[in-house]
PDB file of N, CA and C in Angstrom:
ATOM      1  N   MET A   1      69.175 -21.177   9.041  1.00  0.00           N
ATOM      2  CA  MET A   1      67.947 -20.623   9.566  1.00  0.00           C
ATOM      3  C   MET A   1      67.549 -19.356   8.826  1.00  0.00           C
ATOM      4  N   GLU A   2      68.290 -18.958   7.869  1.00  0.00           N
ATOM      5  CA  GLU A   2      67.935 -17.762   7.114  1.00  0.00           C
ATOM      6  C   GLU A   2      66.771 -18.021   6.166  1.00  0.00           C
ATOM      7  N   GLU A   3      66.482 -19.236   5.893  1.00  0.00           N
ATOM      8  CA  GLU A   3      65.455 -19.594   4.936  1.00  0.00           C
ATOM      9  C   GLU A   3      64.222 -20.114   5.677  1.00  0.00           C
ATOM     10  N   ILE A   4      62.992 -19.664   5.224  1.00  0.00           N
ATOM     11  CA  ILE A   4      61.754 -20.129   5.844  1.00  0.00           C
ATOM     12  C   ILE A   4      61.396 -21.463   5.186  1.00  0.00           C
ATOM     13  N   PRO A   5      61.056 -22.480   5.984  1.00  0.00           N
ATOM     14  CA  PRO A   5      60.767 -23.796   5.411  1.00  0.00           C
ATOM     15  C   PRO A   5      59.529 -23.767   4.506  1.00  0.00           C
ATOM     16  N   ALA A   6      59.483 -24.663   3.540  1.00  0.00           N
ATOM     17  CA  ALA A   6      58.393 -24.720   2.567  1.00  0.00           C
ATOM     18  C   ALA A   6      57.084 -25.117   3.235  1.00  0.00           C
ATOM     19  N   ILE A   7      57.152 -25.949   4.242  1.00  0.00           N
ATOM     20  CA  ILE A   7      55.933 -26.374   4.930  1.00  0.00           C
ATOM     21  C   ILE A   7      55.208 -25.193   5.562  1.00  0.00           C
ATOM     22  N   PHE A   8      55.971 -24.215   6.061  1.00  0.00           N
ATOM     23  CA  PHE A   8      55.388 -23.003   6.641  1.00  0.00           C
ATOM     24  C   PHE A   8      54.592 -22.251   5.587  1.00  0.00           C
ATOM     25  N   TRP A   9      55.146 -22.089   4.401  1.00  0.00           N
ATOM     26  CA  TRP A   9      54.464 -21.387   3.316  1.00  0.00           C
ATOM     27  C   TRP A   9      53.218 -22.168   2.873  1.00  0.00           C
ATOM     28  N   MET A  10      53.308 -23.481   2.832  1.00  0.00           N
ATOM     29  CA  MET A  10      52.159 -24.289   2.444  1.00  0.00           C
ATOM     30  C   MET A  10      51.017 -24.142   3.462  1.00  0.00           C
ATOM     31  N   ILE A  11      51.346 -24.061   4.731  1.00  0.00           N
ATOM     32  CA  ILE A  11      50.328 -23.873   5.760  1.00  0.00           C
ATOM     33  C   ILE A  11      49.679 -22.501   5.624  1.00  0.00           C
ATOM     34  N   ILE A  12      50.505 -21.465   5.416  1.00  0.00           N
ATOM     35  CA  ILE A  12      49.972 -20.095   5.250  1.00  0.00           C
ATOM     36  C   ILE A  12      49.056 -20.024   4.032  1.00  0.00           C
ATOM     37  N   VAL A  13      49.501 -20.539   2.890  1.00  0.00           N
ATOM     38  CA  VAL A  13      48.695 -20.505   1.669  1.00  0.00           C
ATOM     39  C   VAL A  13      47.424 -21.334   1.859  1.00  0.00           C
ATOM     40  N   GLY A  14      47.527 -22.477   2.499  1.00  0.00           N
ATOM     41  CA  GLY A  14      46.358 -23.320   2.759  1.00  0.00           C
ATOM     42  C   GLY A  14      45.329 -22.609   3.617  1.00  0.00           C
ATOM     43  N   ILE A  15      45.782 -21.933   4.669  1.00  0.00           N
ATOM     44  CA  ILE A  15      44.867 -21.178   5.536  1.00  0.00           C
ATOM     45  C   ILE A  15      44.182 -20.064   4.748  1.00  0.00           C
ATOM     46  N   LEU A  16      44.944 -19.340   3.916  1.00  0.00           N
ATOM     47  CA  LEU A  16      44.355 -18.271   3.094  1.00  0.00           C
ATOM     48  C   LEU A  16      43.330 -18.823   2.114  1.00  0.00           C
ATOM     49  N   VAL A  17      43.638 -19.973   1.488  1.00  0.00           N
ATOM     50  CA  VAL A  17      42.709 -20.577   0.531  1.00  0.00           C
ATOM     51  C   VAL A  17      41.433 -21.015   1.245  1.00  0.00           C
ATOM     52  N   VAL A  18      41.557 -21.629   2.425  1.00  0.00           N
ATOM     53  CA  VAL A  18      40.386 -22.050   3.192  1.00  0.00           C
ATOM     54  C   VAL A  18      39.546 -20.833   3.584  1.00  0.00           C
ATOM     55  N   PHE A  19      40.199 -19.760   3.994  1.00  0.00           N
ATOM     56  CA  PHE A  19      39.477 -18.542   4.379  1.00  0.00           C
ATOM     57  C   PHE A  19      38.726 -17.960   3.188  1.00  0.00           C
ATOM     58  N   VAL A  20      39.365 -17.866   2.031  1.00  0.00           N
ATOM     59  CA  VAL A  20      38.725 -17.319   0.833  1.00  0.00           C
ATOM     60  C   VAL A  20      37.552 -18.212   0.414  1.00  0.00           C
ATOM     61  N   CYS A  21      37.736 -19.539   0.459  1.00  0.00           N
ATOM     62  CA  CYS A  21      36.651 -20.457   0.105  1.00  0.00           C
ATOM     63  C   CYS A  21      35.471 -20.304   1.068  1.00  0.00           C
ATOM     64  N   TYR A  22      35.755 -20.132   2.349  1.00  0.00           N
ATOM     65  CA  TYR A  22      34.700 -19.950   3.338  1.00  0.00           C
ATOM     66  C   TYR A  22      33.921 -18.656   3.073  1.00  0.00           C
ATOM     67  N   VAL A  23      34.624 -17.576   2.779  1.00  0.00           N
ATOM     68  CA  VAL A  23      33.970 -16.294   2.481  1.00  0.00           C
ATOM     69  C   VAL A  23      33.111 -16.420   1.231  1.00  0.00           C
ATOM     70  N   LEU A  24      33.619 -17.085   0.185  1.00  0.00           N
ATOM     71  CA  LEU A  24      32.846 -17.269  -1.036  1.00  0.00           C
ATOM     72  C   LEU A  24      31.614 -18.146  -0.788  1.00  0.00           C
ATOM     73  N   TYR A  25      31.749 -19.158   0.043  1.00  0.00           N
ATOM     74  CA  TYR A  25      30.621 -20.019   0.391  1.00  0.00           C
ATOM     75  C   TYR A  25      29.545 -19.217   1.125  1.00  0.00           C
ATOM     76  N   GLN A  26      29.944 -18.403   2.089  1.00  0.00           N
ATOM     77  CA  GLN A  26      28.972 -17.593   2.834  1.00  0.00           C
ATOM     78  C   GLN A  26      28.277 -16.595   1.914  1.00  0.00           C
ATOM     79  N   LEU A  27      29.015 -16.018   0.972  1.00  0.00           N
ATOM     80  CA  LEU A  27      28.432 -15.090   0.007  1.00  0.00           C
ATOM     81  C   LEU A  27      27.414 -15.807  -0.875  1.00  0.00           C
ATOM     82  N   ALA A  28      27.731 -17.021  -1.321  1.00  0.00           N
ATOM     83  CA  ALA A  28      26.802 -17.792  -2.151  1.00  0.00           C
ATOM     84  C   ALA A  28      25.536 -18.113  -1.361  1.00  0.00           C
ATOM     85  N   MET A  29      25.652 -18.481  -0.090  1.00  0.00           N
ATOM     86  CA  MET A  29      24.479 -18.780   0.729  1.00  0.00           C
ATOM     87  C   MET A  29      23.629 -17.528   0.950  1.00  0.00           C
ATOM     88  N   LEU A  30      24.280 -16.395   1.124  1.00  0.00           N
ATOM     89  CA  LEU A  30      23.553 -15.131   1.279  1.00  0.00           C
ATOM     90  C   LEU A  30      22.766 -14.801   0.018  1.00  0.00           C
ATOM     91  N   LEU A  31      23.376 -14.992  -1.143  1.00  0.00           N
ATOM     92  CA  LEU A  31      22.674 -14.722  -2.401  1.00  0.00           C
ATOM     93  C   LEU A  31      21.506 -15.683  -2.596  1.00  0.00           C
ATOM     94  N   LYS A  32      21.679 -16.947  -2.220  1.00  0.00           N
ATOM     95  CA  LYS A  32      20.598 -17.923  -2.342  1.00  0.00           C
ATOM     96  C   LYS A  32      19.425 -17.546  -1.439  1.00  0.00           C
ATOM     97  N   GLU A  33      19.698 -17.180  -0.197  1.00  0.00           N
ATOM     98  CA  GLU A  33      18.637 -16.783   0.716  1.00  0.00           C
ATOM     99  C   GLU A  33      17.954 -15.498   0.244  1.00  0.00           C
ATOM    100  N   SER A  34      18.722 -14.586  -0.318  1.00  0.00           N
ATOM    101  CA  SER A  34      18.143 -13.345  -0.835  1.00  0.00           C
ATOM    102  C   SER A  34      17.196 -13.641  -1.985  1.00  0.00           C
ATOM    103  N   ARG A  35      17.579 -14.550  -2.868  1.00  0.00           N
ATOM    104  CA  ARG A  35      16.725 -14.915  -3.995  1.00  0.00           C
ATOM    105  C   ARG A  35      15.420 -15.527  -3.494  1.00  0.00           C
ATOM    106  N   ASP A  36      15.504 -16.414  -2.506  1.00  0.00           N
ATOM    107  CA  ASP A  36      14.303 -17.029  -1.950  1.00  0.00           C
ATOM    108  C   ASP A  36      13.409 -15.981  -1.289  1.00  0.00           C
ATOM    109  N   SER A  37      14.019 -15.034  -0.590  1.00  0.00           N
ATOM    110  CA  SER A  37      13.242 -13.972   0.061  1.00  0.00           C
ATOM    111  C   SER A  37      12.552 -13.089  -0.966  1.00  0.00           C
ATOM    112  N   ILE A  38      13.237 -12.780  -2.047  1.00  0.00           N
ATOM    113  CA  ILE A  38      12.659 -11.929  -3.087  1.00  0.00           C
ATOM    114  C   ILE A  38      11.495 -12.640  -3.761  1.00  0.00           C
ATOM    115  N   GLU A  39      11.597 -13.948  -3.963  1.00  0.00           N
ATOM    116  CA  GLU A  39      10.479 -14.689  -4.541  1.00  0.00           C
ATOM    117  C   GLU A  39       9.261 -14.632  -3.610  1.00  0.00           C
ATOM    118  N   GLY A  40       9.503 -14.748  -2.298  1.00  0.00           N
ATOM    119  CA  GLY A  40       8.406 -14.642  -1.338  1.00  0.00           C
ATOM    120  C   GLY A  40       7.770 -13.261  -1.351  1.00  0.00           C
ATOM    121  N   VAL A  41       8.593 -12.233  -1.462  1.00  0.00           N
ATOM    122  CA  VAL A  41       8.084 -10.857  -1.502  1.00  0.00           C
ATOM    123  C   VAL A  41       7.280 -10.635  -2.781  1.00  0.00           C
ATOM    124  N   ASN A  42       7.748 -11.185  -3.901  1.00  0.00           N
ATOM    125  CA  ASN A  42       7.004 -11.035  -5.156  1.00  0.00           C
ATOM    126  C   ASN A  42       5.636 -11.695  -5.069  1.00  0.00           C
ATOM    127  N   LYS A  43       5.560 -12.888  -4.441  1.00  0.00           N
ATOM    128  CA  LYS A  43       4.256 -13.541  -4.278  1.00  0.00           C
ATOM    129  C   LYS A  43       3.344 -12.696  -3.398  1.00  0.00           C
ATOM    130  N   ALA A  44       3.900 -12.135  -2.326  1.00  0.00           N
ATOM    131  CA  ALA A  44       3.100 -11.288  -1.437  1.00  0.00           C
ATOM    132  C   ALA A  44       2.600 -10.053  -2.176  1.00  0.00           C
ATOM    133  N   LEU A  45       3.441  -9.450  -3.005  1.00  0.00           N
ATOM    134  CA  LEU A  45       3.031  -8.268  -3.771  1.00  0.00           C
ATOM    135  C   LEU A  45       1.930  -8.607  -4.764  1.00  0.00           C
ATOM    136  N   GLU A  46       2.003  -9.780  -5.386  1.00  0.00           N
ATOM    137  CA  GLU A  46       0.937 -10.187  -6.305  1.00  0.00           C
ATOM    138  C   GLU A  46      -0.381 -10.344  -5.550  1.00  0.00           C
ATOM    139  N   ASP A  47      -0.323 -10.959  -4.363  1.00  0.00           N
ATOM    140  CA  ASP A  47      -1.536 -11.105  -3.558  1.00  0.00           C
ATOM    141  C   ASP A  47      -2.095  -9.747  -3.165  1.00  0.00           C
ATOM    142  N   ILE A  48      -1.218  -8.830  -2.762  1.00  0.00           N
ATOM    143  CA  ILE A  48      -1.658  -7.486  -2.374  1.00  0.00           C
ATOM    144  C   ILE A  48      -2.282  -6.765  -3.569  1.00  0.00           C
ATOM    145  N   ASN A  49      -1.689  -6.903  -4.746  1.00  0.00           N
ATOM    146  CA  ASN A  49      -2.252  -6.265  -5.940  1.00  0.00           C
ATOM    147  C   ASN A  49      -3.638  -6.828  -6.258  1.00  0.00           C
ATOM    148  N   ASN A  50      -3.806  -8.148  -6.098  1.00  0.00           N
ATOM    149  CA  ASN A  50      -5.124  -8.748  -6.334  1.00  0.00           C
ATOM    150  C   ASN A  50      -6.149  -8.223  -5.331  1.00  0.00           C
ATOM    151  N   ILE A  51      -5.755  -8.127  -4.076  1.00  0.00           N
ATOM    152  CA  ILE A  51      -6.665  -7.628  -3.046  1.00  0.00           C
ATOM    153  C   ILE A  51      -7.045  -6.176  -3.328  1.00  0.00           C
ATOM    154  N   VAL A  52      -6.068  -5.365  -3.699  1.00  0.00           N
ATOM    155  CA  VAL A  52      -6.339  -3.949  -3.990  1.00  0.00           C
ATOM    156  C   VAL A  52      -7.270  -3.817  -5.185  1.00  0.00           C
ATOM    157  N   SER A  53      -7.080  -4.634  -6.224  1.00  0.00           N
ATOM    158  CA  SER A  53      -7.968  -4.544  -7.387  1.00  0.00           C
ATOM    159  C   SER A  53      -9.385  -4.977  -7.016  1.00  0.00           C
ATOM    160  N   GLU A  54      -9.524  -5.997  -6.154  1.00  0.00           N
ATOM    161  CA  GLU A  54     -10.857  -6.398  -5.703  1.00  0.00           C
ATOM    162  C   GLU A  54     -11.516  -5.288  -4.885  1.00  0.00           C
ATOM    163  N   ILE A  55     -10.748  -4.656  -4.024  1.00  0.00           N
ATOM    164  CA  ILE A  55     -11.291  -3.553  -3.217  1.00  0.00           C
ATOM    165  C   ILE A  55     -11.704  -2.393  -4.107  1.00  0.00           C
ATOM    166  N   ASN A  56     -10.895  -2.089  -5.128  1.00  0.00           N
ATOM    167  CA  ASN A  56     -11.269  -1.012  -6.053  1.00  0.00           C
ATOM    168  C   ASN A  56     -12.578  -1.342  -6.767  1.00  0.00           C
ATOM    169  N   GLY A  57     -12.746  -2.614  -7.146  1.00  0.00           N
ATOM    170  CA  GLY A  57     -14.003  -3.018  -7.776  1.00  0.00           C
ATOM    171  C   GLY A  57     -15.180  -2.847  -6.836  1.00  0.00           C
ATOM    172  N   ILE A  58     -15.007  -3.258  -5.588  1.00  0.00           N
ATOM    173  CA  ILE A  58     -16.083  -3.110  -4.600  1.00  0.00           C
ATOM    174  C   ILE A  58     -16.403  -1.641  -4.380  1.00  0.00           C
ATOM    175  N   ILE A  59     -15.376  -0.814  -4.288  1.00  0.00           N
ATOM    176  CA  ILE A  59     -15.595   0.631  -4.092  1.00  0.00           C
ATOM    177  C   ILE A  59     -16.351   1.220  -5.279  1.00  0.00           C
ATOM    178  N   ASN A  60     -15.989   0.817  -6.490  1.00  0.00           N
ATOM    179  CA  ASN A  60     -16.686   1.337  -7.664  1.00  0.00           C
ATOM    180  C   ASN A  60     -18.141   0.880  -7.692  1.00  0.00           C
ATOM    181  N   ILE A  61     -18.393  -0.356  -7.232  1.00  0.00           N
ATOM    182  CA  ILE A  61     -19.771  -0.854  -7.193  1.00  0.00           C
ATOM    183  C   ILE A  61     -20.591  -0.062  -6.183  1.00  0.00           C
ATOM    184  N   VAL A  62     -20.009   0.233  -5.032  1.00  0.00           N
ATOM    185  CA  VAL A  62     -20.726   0.940  -3.969  1.00  0.00           C
ATOM    186  C   VAL A  62     -20.815   2.431  -4.275  1.00  0.00           C
ATOM    187  N   LYS A  63     -19.858   2.950  -5.000  1.00  0.00           N
ATOM    188  CA  LYS A  63     -19.776   4.393  -5.252  1.00  0.00           C
ATOM    189  C   LYS A  63     -20.982   4.894  -6.049  1.00  0.00           C
ATOM    190  N   THR A  64     -21.420   4.151  -7.040  1.00  0.00           N
ATOM    191  CA  THR A  64     -22.519   4.598  -7.894  1.00  0.00           C
ATOM    192  C   THR A  64     -23.813   4.785  -7.101  1.00  0.00           C
ATOM    193  N   PRO A  65     -24.260   3.794  -6.318  1.00  0.00           N
ATOM    194  CA  PRO A  65     -25.491   4.032  -5.535  1.00  0.00           C
ATOM    195  C   PRO A  65     -25.334   5.164  -4.522  1.00  0.00           C
ATOM    196  N   VAL A  66     -24.172   5.283  -3.921  1.00  0.00           N
ATOM    197  CA  VAL A  66     -23.961   6.349  -2.942  1.00  0.00           C
ATOM    198  C   VAL A  66     -24.070   7.706  -3.627  1.00  0.00           C
ATOM    199  N   LEU A  67     -23.496   7.826  -4.812  1.00  0.00           N
ATOM    200  CA  LEU A  67     -23.607   9.096  -5.540  1.00  0.00           C
ATOM    201  C   LEU A  67     -25.053   9.374  -5.931  1.00  0.00           C
ATOM    202  N   GLN A  68     -25.796   8.327  -6.308  1.00  0.00           N
ATOM    203  CA  GLN A  68     -27.206   8.521  -6.652  1.00  0.00           C
ATOM    204  C   GLN A  68     -28.011   8.958  -5.427  1.00  0.00           C
ATOM    205  N   ILE A  69     -27.747   8.318  -4.285  1.00  0.00           N
ATOM    206  CA  ILE A  69     -28.448   8.690  -3.052  1.00  0.00           C
ATOM    207  C   ILE A  69     -28.082  10.114  -2.651  1.00  0.00           C
ATOM    208  N   THR A  70     -26.807  10.459  -2.770  1.00  0.00           N
ATOM    209  CA  THR A  70     -26.372  11.814  -2.434  1.00  0.00           C
ATOM    210  C   THR A  70     -27.047  12.835  -3.345  1.00  0.00           C
ATOM    211  N   GLY A  71     -27.149  12.515  -4.634  1.00  0.00           N
ATOM    212  CA  GLY A  71     -27.837  13.416  -5.568  1.00  0.00           C
ATOM    213  C   GLY A  71     -29.301  13.574  -5.214  1.00  0.00           C
ATOM    214  N   ALA A  72     -29.936  12.455  -4.855  1.00  0.00           N
ATOM    215  CA  ALA A  72     -31.349  12.522  -4.475  1.00  0.00           C
ATOM    216  C   ALA A  72     -31.530  13.347  -3.209  1.00  0.00           C
ATOM    217  N   LEU A  73     -30.662  13.126  -2.220  1.00  0.00           N
ATOM    218  CA  LEU A  73     -30.752  13.908  -0.987  1.00  0.00           C
ATOM    219  C   LEU A  73     -30.507  15.391  -1.255  1.00  0.00           C
ATOM    220  N   HIS A  74     -29.601  15.693  -2.160  1.00  0.00           N
ATOM    221  CA  HIS A  74     -29.351  17.102  -2.515  1.00  0.00           C
ATOM    222  C   HIS A  74     -30.599  17.703  -3.165  1.00  0.00           C
ATOM    223  N   GLY A  75     -31.257  16.928  -4.031  1.00  0.00           N
ATOM    224  CA  GLY A  75     -32.495  17.405  -4.652  1.00  0.00           C
ATOM    225  C   GLY A  75     -33.587  17.619  -3.627  1.00  0.00           C
ATOM    226  N   ILE A  76     -33.737  16.676  -2.702  1.00  0.00           N
ATOM    227  CA  ILE A  76     -34.743  16.816  -1.638  1.00  0.00           C
ATOM    228  C   ILE A  76     -34.432  18.035  -0.781  1.00  0.00           C
ATOM    229  N   SER A  77     -33.160  18.239  -0.483  1.00  0.00           N
ATOM    230  CA  SER A  77     -32.744  19.401   0.311  1.00  0.00           C
ATOM    231  C   SER A  77     -33.083  20.693  -0.415  1.00  0.00           C
ATOM    232  N   THR A  78     -32.855  20.708  -1.712  1.00  0.00           N
ATOM    233  CA  THR A  78     -33.168  21.910  -2.493  1.00  0.00           C
ATOM    234  C   THR A  78     -34.669  22.184  -2.476  1.00  0.00           C
ATOM    235  N   VAL A  79     -35.467  21.140  -2.670  1.00  0.00           N
ATOM    236  CA  VAL A  79     -36.929  21.310  -2.652  1.00  0.00           C
ATOM    237  C   VAL A  79     -37.392  21.769  -1.274  1.00  0.00           C
ATOM    238  N   ALA A  80     -36.814  21.174  -0.208  1.00  0.00           N
ATOM    239  CA  ALA A  80     -37.193  21.560   1.146  1.00  0.00           C
ATOM    240  C   ALA A  80     -36.828  23.013   1.419  1.00  0.00           C
ATOM    241  N   SER A  81     -35.693  23.464   0.913  1.00  0.00           N
ATOM    242  CA  SER A  81     -35.317  24.871   1.143  1.00  0.00           C
ATOM    243  C   SER A  81     -36.235  25.809   0.367  1.00  0.00           C
ATOM    244  N   VAL A  82     -36.667  25.409  -0.812  1.00  0.00           N
ATOM    245  CA  VAL A  82     -37.600  26.238  -1.588  1.00  0.00           C
ATOM    246  C   VAL A  82     -38.930  26.335  -0.855  1.00  0.00           C
ATOM    247  N   ILE A  83     -39.425  25.189  -0.373  1.00  0.00           N
ATOM    248  CA  ILE A  83     -40.695  25.177   0.367  1.00  0.00           C
ATOM    249  C   ILE A  83     -40.567  26.015   1.634  1.00  0.00           C
ATOM    250  N   SER A  84     -39.439  25.879   2.325  1.00  0.00           N
ATOM    251  CA  SER A  84     -39.212  26.669   3.536  1.00  0.00           C
ATOM    252  C   SER A  84     -39.205  28.158   3.209  1.00  0.00           C
ATOM    253  N   GLY A  85     -38.607  28.532   2.084  1.00  0.00           N
ATOM    254  CA  GLY A  85     -38.589  29.945   1.675  1.00  0.00           C
ATOM    255  C   GLY A  85     -39.990  30.452   1.375  1.00  0.00           C
ATOM    256  N   ILE A  86     -40.778  29.616   0.725  1.00  0.00           N
ATOM    257  CA  ILE A  86     -42.155  30.025   0.404  1.00  0.00           C
ATOM    258  C   ILE A  86     -42.954  30.210   1.691  1.00  0.00           C
ATOM    259  N   ILE A  87     -42.812  29.262   2.628  1.00  0.00           N
ATOM    260  CA  ILE A  87     -43.535  29.373   3.897  1.00  0.00           C
ATOM    261  C   ILE A  87     -43.099  30.616   4.657  1.00  0.00           C
ATOM    262  N   ASP A  88     -41.775  30.868   4.688  1.00  0.00           N
ATOM    263  CA  ASP A  88     -41.283  32.079   5.357  1.00  0.00           C
ATOM    264  C   ASP A  88     -41.835  33.332   4.690  1.00  0.00           C
ATOM    265  N   GLY A  89     -41.982  33.288   3.363  1.00  0.00           N
ATOM    266  CA  GLY A  89     -42.551  34.430   2.636  1.00  0.00           C
ATOM    267  C   GLY A  89     -44.005  34.672   3.021  1.00  0.00           C
ATOM    268  N   PHE A  90     -44.774  33.603   3.121  1.00  0.00           N
ATOM    269  CA  PHE A  90     -46.170  33.748   3.541  1.00  0.00           C
ATOM    270  C   PHE A  90     -46.274  34.267   4.961  1.00  0.00           C
ATOM    271  N   LYS A  91     -45.380  33.737   5.841  1.00  0.00           N
ATOM    272  CA  LYS A  91     -45.424  34.193   7.239  1.00  0.00           C
ATOM    273  C   LYS A  91     -45.080  35.670   7.342  1.00  0.00           C
ATOM    274  N   SER A  92     -44.091  36.121   6.598  1.00  0.00           N
ATOM    275  CA  SER A  92     -43.722  37.529   6.676  1.00  0.00           C
ATOM    276  C   SER A  92     -44.824  38.402   6.072  1.00  0.00           C
ATOM    277  N   GLY A  93     -45.529  37.881   5.047  1.00  0.00           N
ATOM    278  CA  GLY A  93     -46.651  38.626   4.455  1.00  0.00           C
ATOM    279  C   GLY A  93     -47.791  38.752   5.438  1.00  0.00           C
ATOM    280  N   GLU A  94     -48.081  37.717   6.195  1.00  0.00           N
ATOM    281  CA  GLU A  94     -49.148  37.750   7.191  1.00  0.00           C
ATOM    282  C   GLU A  94     -48.784  38.697   8.338  1.00  0.00           C
ATOM    283  N   GLU A  95     -47.501  38.707   8.733  1.00  0.00           N
ATOM    284  CA  GLU A  95     -47.083  39.588   9.807  1.00  0.00           C
ATOM    285  C   GLU A  95     -47.206  41.058   9.393  1.00  0.00           C
ATOM    286  N   GLU A  96     -46.925  41.352   8.128  1.00  0.00           N
ATOM    287  CA  GLU A  96     -47.050  42.737   7.661  1.00  0.00           C
ATOM    288  C   GLU A  96     -48.508  43.175   7.637  1.00  0.00           C
ATOM    289  N   ARG A  97     -49.421  42.255   7.304  1.00  0.00           N
ATOM    290  CA  ARG A  97     -50.832  42.594   7.276  1.00  0.00           C
ATOM    291  C   ARG A  97     -51.397  42.789   8.684  1.00  0.00           C
ATOM    292  N   ASN A  98     -50.875  42.002   9.621  1.00  0.00           N
ATOM    293  CA  ASN A  98     -51.355  42.126  10.998  1.00  0.00           C
ATOM    294  C   ASN A  98     -50.859  43.392  11.662  1.00  0.00           C
ATOM    295  N   ASP A  99     -49.787  43.915  11.222  1.00  0.00           N
ATOM    296  CA  ASP A  99     -49.228  45.126  11.867  1.00  0.00           C
ATOM    297  C   ASP A  99     -49.956  46.325  11.455  1.00  0.00           C
TER     298      ASP A  99
END
């Protein structure tokens, strides 16, 4: 009884080999699923990049007329303030004459 039977060692080694094979199989499945997920993420990123470029184009198209309208409104505002200043000048001149 001082010696451990060979069948015992074969069972131990077999269990260890099965465990290692199972761990390697699970690792391979994890890597496969990760690759599939990354491909899906890459497709989503390409779609997002296309959408962003289309939005940038739309913004650039709309930006030019808005800047032109803003410039025109600024010019109208400047003219209106000049006219208002002239009218205020005439009113103050009339008030000085009436006093």
